[in-house]
Amino acid sequence: MKISNTKKAVILGIRFDGNSSLRHGTAEAPEEIRSILYNGISNLCTENGIDLEQDKQWMDAGDLIPDRNFSFPETIHTSISTYLNQGLRLLILGGDHSITYPSIQAYAKRYNELNILHLDAHPDLYDSYDGNRYSHASPFARIMEENLAKRLVQIGIRTMNPHQKSQADRFNVEIIHARDWEINKCPVFQGPVYLSIDLDVLDPAFAPGVSHPEPGGLTTRDIISIIQSLRTTVVGCDIVEYNPRRDTLQITGTVVVKLFKECLGKLLEE
């Protein structure tokens, strides 16, 4: 798809949860996010002063629906490359966290010195989970073993086991555990940053509508502050693991929309 050169950022939904474990439903997230975004309860202004309703530098490119058996991860990789080759930045709406691996494959071809900031309760560094090397619990193992990022920083981790600890050591992953989190510990990056937000980084009090809730997490304001603290160029973001089936009151969906606006505002800043 050829995009007007007046655009800076693109929204792309990836309706895929074929690599989820235990619970499915995250493939339904992009549709639910859009529904809440436009339901009129809140306006479309970001905290950095951008009115997304009036700003013409972004567009919604709709949804991609990969097939696990035939087109994952190639469909995702190819589609994202199409936008990156036009100089666009993407805000990607998952879907389960396995979509981040092919997304970063595409980004690494565009940006040689890519940094990743990963917000999550889980490190997602399993070499294989339930026999699946493409599991939503494994994307960062694939990313790091292929040297797709020069630096990976993870914030909010609170489920580290010995295998994933050994993987983190192997790949020199920088981890700020949830127990150690303070806003003054936000990392400083040199070069482009890709931000990956797994909704279960939040405490279940703020985001109950996820497949794998983990108590003891960060607050919504913590995540917003992290986004706003980034002082280098943010070239892409994904928001993953929102499960509308577990969000009957749209509490989590409302949080997702807030993060959506702040992430998009960050992509449009420069």
Protein backbone atom coordinates (compact mmCIF):
# COMPACT_ATOMS: atom_id res chain seq x y z
CA MET A 1 0.00 0.00 0.00
CA LYS A 2 1.40 3.38 -1.05
CA ILE A 3 0.95 5.98 1.70
CA SER A 4 0.90 9.75 1.16
CA ASN A 5 4.21 11.41 1.97
CA THR A 6 2.31 13.72 4.34
CA LYS A 7 1.93 10.83 6.77
CA LYS A 8 4.45 10.06 9.50
CA ALA A 9 2.81 7.17 11.37
CA VAL A 10 0.52 4.24 10.62
CA ILE A 11 -1.71 2.16 12.87
CA LEU A 12 -1.70 -1.53 12.00
CA GLY A 13 -3.76 -4.15 13.80
CA ILE A 14 -2.41 -7.70 13.77
CA ARG A 15 -5.28 -10.01 14.64
CA PHE A 16 -3.26 -13.04 15.68
CA ASP A 17 -3.19 -15.19 18.81
CA GLY A 18 -2.08 -18.45 17.24
CA ASN A 19 0.99 -18.63 19.48
CA SER A 20 -0.84 -17.95 22.74
CA SER A 21 -0.78 -20.45 25.57
CA LEU A 22 -3.60 -21.17 28.01
CA ARG A 23 -6.07 -18.51 26.79
CA HIS A 24 -6.98 -17.05 23.41
CA GLY A 25 -8.82 -13.86 22.60
CA THR A 26 -6.06 -11.32 21.96
CA ALA A 27 -6.74 -11.51 18.22
CA GLU A 28 -9.96 -9.61 18.97
CA ALA A 29 -8.09 -6.68 20.53
CA PRO A 30 -7.61 -4.34 17.54
CA GLU A 31 -11.34 -4.16 16.85
CA GLU A 32 -12.14 -3.55 20.53
CA ILE A 33 -9.45 -0.88 20.86
CA ARG A 34 -10.85 1.07 17.92
CA SER A 35 -14.37 0.76 19.33
CA ILE A 36 -13.32 2.29 22.65
CA LEU A 37 -11.11 4.91 20.97
CA TYR A 38 -14.07 6.33 19.05
CA ASN A 39 -16.91 5.79 21.56
CA GLY A 40 -16.88 9.44 22.63
CA ILE A 41 -16.12 8.87 26.32
CA SER A 42 -12.76 10.63 25.97
CA ASN A 43 -11.26 13.00 23.42
CA LEU A 44 -8.31 12.19 21.16
CA CYS A 45 -5.79 14.59 22.68
CA THR A 46 -2.45 13.39 23.99
CA GLU A 47 -0.67 14.71 27.05
CA ASN A 48 2.03 16.26 24.86
CA GLY A 49 -0.60 18.49 23.27
CA ILE A 50 -1.36 16.71 19.99
CA ASP A 51 -5.03 16.53 18.96
CA LEU A 52 -5.11 13.21 17.11
CA GLU A 53 -8.54 13.99 15.71
CA GLN A 54 -7.16 17.02 13.87
CA ASP A 55 -3.62 15.82 13.17
CA LYS A 56 -3.28 14.53 9.60
CA GLN A 57 0.16 12.95 10.00
CA TRP A 58 -1.20 9.50 10.87
CA MET A 59 -3.62 7.00 9.39
CA ASP A 60 -5.19 3.68 10.26
CA ALA A 61 -4.12 0.95 7.83
CA GLY A 62 -6.63 -1.59 9.14
CA ASP A 63 -5.84 -5.13 10.19
CA LEU A 64 -3.57 -7.94 9.14
CA ILE A 65 -4.81 -11.48 9.80
CA PRO A 66 -1.93 -13.97 9.48
CA ASP A 67 -2.47 -17.71 9.38
CA ARG A 68 -0.35 -19.60 11.90
CA ASN A 69 0.16 -22.63 9.69
CA PHE A 70 0.98 -20.85 6.45
CA SER A 71 1.94 -17.21 6.90
CA PHE A 72 3.39 -16.53 10.33
CA PRO A 73 5.81 -14.78 10.59
CA GLU A 74 6.36 -13.98 6.91
CA THR A 75 3.10 -12.07 6.41
CA ILE A 76 3.82 -9.79 9.37
CA HIS A 77 7.43 -9.19 8.36
CA THR A 78 6.50 -8.39 4.75
CA SER A 79 3.61 -6.10 5.62
CA ILE A 80 5.59 -4.04 8.13
CA SER A 81 8.52 -3.74 5.73
CA THR A 82 6.15 -2.21 3.17
CA TYR A 83 5.43 0.68 5.54
CA LEU A 84 8.97 1.05 6.85
CA ASN A 85 10.31 1.31 3.30
CA GLN A 86 8.14 4.41 2.90
CA GLY A 87 9.78 6.03 5.94
CA LEU A 88 6.76 5.51 8.20
CA ARG A 89 6.61 4.67 11.89
CA LEU A 90 4.18 2.03 13.08
CA LEU A 91 1.96 1.64 16.11
CA ILE A 92 1.07 -2.05 16.02
CA LEU A 93 -1.94 -3.43 17.88
CA GLY A 94 -1.73 -7.12 18.79
CA GLY A 95 -2.51 -9.86 19.09
CA ASP A 96 -0.25 -11.97 21.24
CA HIS A 97 3.39 -11.10 21.90
CA SER A 98 4.72 -13.44 19.23
CA ILE A 99 4.01 -10.71 16.66
CA THR A 100 6.93 -8.68 18.01
CA TYR A 101 9.54 -11.07 16.57
CA PRO A 102 8.63 -10.64 12.87
CA SER A 103 8.00 -6.94 13.52
CA ILE A 104 11.55 -6.53 14.80
CA GLN A 105 12.89 -8.57 11.88
CA ALA A 106 11.50 -5.88 9.60
CA TYR A 107 12.71 -3.03 11.81
CA ALA A 108 16.24 -4.42 12.06
CA LYS A 109 16.59 -4.21 8.28
CA ARG A 110 15.64 -0.54 8.40
CA TYR A 111 17.56 0.45 11.55
CA ASN A 112 21.06 -0.96 12.08
CA GLU A 113 21.41 0.23 15.69
CA LEU A 114 17.95 -0.59 17.02
CA ASN A 115 17.19 -0.46 20.76
CA ILE A 116 14.20 -2.23 22.28
CA LEU A 117 12.38 -1.14 25.42
CA HIS A 118 10.16 -4.01 26.55
CA LEU A 119 7.53 -3.52 29.28
CA ASP A 120 6.16 -6.80 30.61
CA ALA A 121 5.55 -9.01 33.63
CA HIS A 122 7.35 -11.80 31.76
CA PRO A 123 10.77 -11.72 30.06
CA ASP A 124 9.52 -13.83 27.10
CA LEU A 125 12.97 -15.36 26.67
CA TYR A 126 12.07 -19.05 26.58
CA ASP A 127 14.07 -20.88 23.97
CA SER A 128 10.88 -22.84 23.38
CA TYR A 129 7.58 -22.94 25.25
CA ASP A 130 5.35 -26.02 25.04
CA GLY A 131 7.49 -27.11 22.10
CA ASN A 132 6.84 -23.87 20.18
CA ARG A 133 9.85 -21.71 19.35
CA TYR A 134 7.49 -18.99 18.07
CA SER A 135 5.44 -18.92 21.26
CA HIS A 136 4.31 -15.62 22.74
CA ALA A 137 6.70 -16.56 25.57
CA SER A 138 9.71 -16.69 23.20
CA PRO A 139 9.90 -13.63 20.91
CA PHE A 140 12.87 -12.00 22.60
CA ALA A 141 14.90 -15.19 22.48
CA ARG A 142 14.46 -15.20 18.69
CA ILE A 143 15.20 -11.49 18.44
CA MET A 144 18.40 -11.63 20.46
CA GLU A 145 19.80 -14.84 19.00
CA GLU A 146 19.48 -13.25 15.55
CA ASN A 147 21.19 -10.04 16.75
CA LEU A 148 18.25 -7.93 15.67
CA ALA A 149 18.77 -5.35 18.43
CA LYS A 150 21.91 -3.80 19.87
CA ARG A 151 20.25 -3.36 23.26
CA LEU A 152 17.22 -4.87 25.01
CA VAL A 153 15.95 -3.31 28.22
CA GLN A 154 13.06 -4.92 30.09
CA ILE A 155 10.99 -3.17 32.77
CA GLY A 156 8.38 -4.66 35.10
CA ILE A 157 9.59 -8.26 35.12
CA ARG A 158 8.31 -10.34 38.05
CA THR A 159 8.20 -13.96 36.83
CA MET A 160 11.85 -14.71 36.12
CA ASN A 161 12.75 -18.41 36.37
CA PRO A 162 16.20 -20.03 36.13
CA HIS A 163 15.94 -20.82 32.40
CA GLN A 164 14.95 -17.28 31.49
CA LYS A 165 17.60 -15.88 33.83
CA SER A 166 20.24 -17.87 31.96
CA GLN A 167 18.83 -16.60 28.67
CA ALA A 168 18.94 -13.01 29.92
CA ASP A 169 22.58 -13.47 30.94
CA ARG A 170 23.39 -15.08 27.60
CA PHE A 171 21.94 -12.17 25.62
CA ASN A 172 23.06 -9.37 27.98
CA VAL A 173 19.50 -8.26 28.58
CA GLU A 174 19.17 -5.31 30.97
CA ILE A 175 16.33 -5.96 33.42
CA ILE A 176 14.62 -3.62 35.86
CA HIS A 177 12.45 -5.91 37.94
CA ALA A 178 9.08 -4.67 39.15
CA ARG A 179 10.35 -4.84 42.73
CA ASP A 180 13.13 -2.38 41.86
CA TRP A 181 11.14 0.00 39.66
CA GLU A 182 11.44 3.75 40.21
CA ILE A 183 10.83 6.47 37.64
CA ASN A 184 14.42 7.72 37.98
CA LYS A 185 15.58 4.36 36.64
CA CYS A 186 14.15 4.96 33.17
CA PRO A 187 16.90 4.00 30.72
CA VAL A 188 18.61 6.50 28.45
CA PHE A 189 19.06 5.35 24.86
CA GLN A 190 21.36 6.38 22.06
CA GLY A 191 19.75 5.78 18.70
CA PRO A 192 16.30 4.64 17.58
CA VAL A 193 13.96 2.88 20.01
CA TYR A 194 11.20 0.35 19.46
CA LEU A 195 8.76 0.18 22.38
CA SER A 196 6.93 -3.08 23.10
CA ILE A 197 4.18 -2.95 25.73
CA ASP A 198 2.65 -6.17 27.03
CA LEU A 199 -0.44 -5.10 28.98
CA ASP A 200 0.31 -7.51 31.81
CA VAL A 201 3.21 -5.27 32.82
CA LEU A 202 0.43 -3.43 34.64
CA ASP A 203 -0.87 -4.66 37.94
CA PRO A 204 -4.20 -6.51 37.45
CA ALA A 205 -5.88 -3.71 39.41
CA PHE A 206 -5.26 -1.49 36.36
CA ALA A 207 -5.46 -4.11 33.60
CA PRO A 208 -7.48 -7.21 34.50
CA GLY A 209 -8.28 -7.96 30.86
CA VAL A 210 -5.16 -9.91 29.97
CA SER A 211 -4.56 -13.61 29.50
CA HIS A 212 -1.82 -13.95 32.11
CA PRO A 213 -2.36 -11.44 34.94
CA GLU A 214 0.50 -11.15 37.41
CA PRO A 215 0.05 -9.22 40.70
CA GLY A 216 2.62 -6.68 41.83
CA GLY A 217 2.88 -4.74 38.60
CA LEU A 218 3.26 -1.15 37.52
CA THR A 219 0.57 1.54 37.45
CA THR A 220 -0.93 3.20 34.40
CA ARG A 221 0.88 6.43 35.32
CA ASP A 222 4.18 4.50 35.52
CA ILE A 223 3.78 3.38 31.92
CA ILE A 224 2.76 6.82 30.70
CA SER A 225 5.79 8.33 32.47
CA ILE A 226 8.09 5.80 30.80
CA ILE A 227 6.69 6.68 27.37
CA GLN A 228 7.06 10.38 28.03
CA SER A 229 10.60 9.97 29.40
CA LEU A 230 12.00 8.72 26.09
CA ARG A 231 14.24 11.43 24.69
CA THR A 232 15.49 9.70 21.58
CA THR A 233 13.55 8.88 18.41
CA VAL A 234 10.82 6.29 18.91
CA VAL A 235 10.46 4.60 15.52
CA GLY A 236 7.85 2.01 16.39
CA CYS A 237 5.61 0.64 19.12
CA ASP A 238 3.46 -2.37 19.74
CA ILE A 239 0.75 -2.90 22.34
CA VAL A 240 0.01 -6.58 22.84
CA GLU A 241 -1.76 -9.18 24.97
CA TYR A 242 -4.98 -7.25 25.59
CA ASN A 243 -7.74 -9.86 25.83
CA PRO A 244 -11.23 -8.37 25.39
CA ARG A 245 -12.83 -11.67 26.45
CA ARG A 246 -11.54 -11.00 29.96
CA ASP A 247 -12.44 -7.31 30.01
CA THR A 248 -16.19 -7.23 30.56
CA LEU A 249 -16.22 -3.66 31.95
CA GLN A 250 -13.70 -2.32 29.40
CA ILE A 251 -11.37 -1.27 32.23
CA THR A 252 -8.32 -2.59 30.44
CA GLY A 253 -9.52 -1.39 27.05
CA THR A 254 -9.78 2.15 28.39
CA VAL A 255 -6.19 1.90 29.64
CA VAL A 256 -5.07 0.56 26.26
CA VAL A 257 -6.63 3.53 24.49
CA LYS A 258 -4.81 5.92 26.82
CA LEU A 259 -1.50 4.21 26.06
CA PHE A 260 -2.39 4.15 22.35
CA LYS A 261 -2.76 7.94 22.36
CA GLU A 262 0.49 8.52 24.27
CA CYS A 263 2.45 6.12 22.04
CA LEU A 264 1.08 7.70 18.88
CA GLY A 265 1.85 11.15 20.26
CA LYS A 266 5.44 10.04 20.84
CA LEU A 267 5.73 8.73 17.27
CA LEU A 268 4.50 12.08 15.94
CA GLU A 269 6.71 14.27 18.15
CA GLU A 270 9.70 14.63 15.85
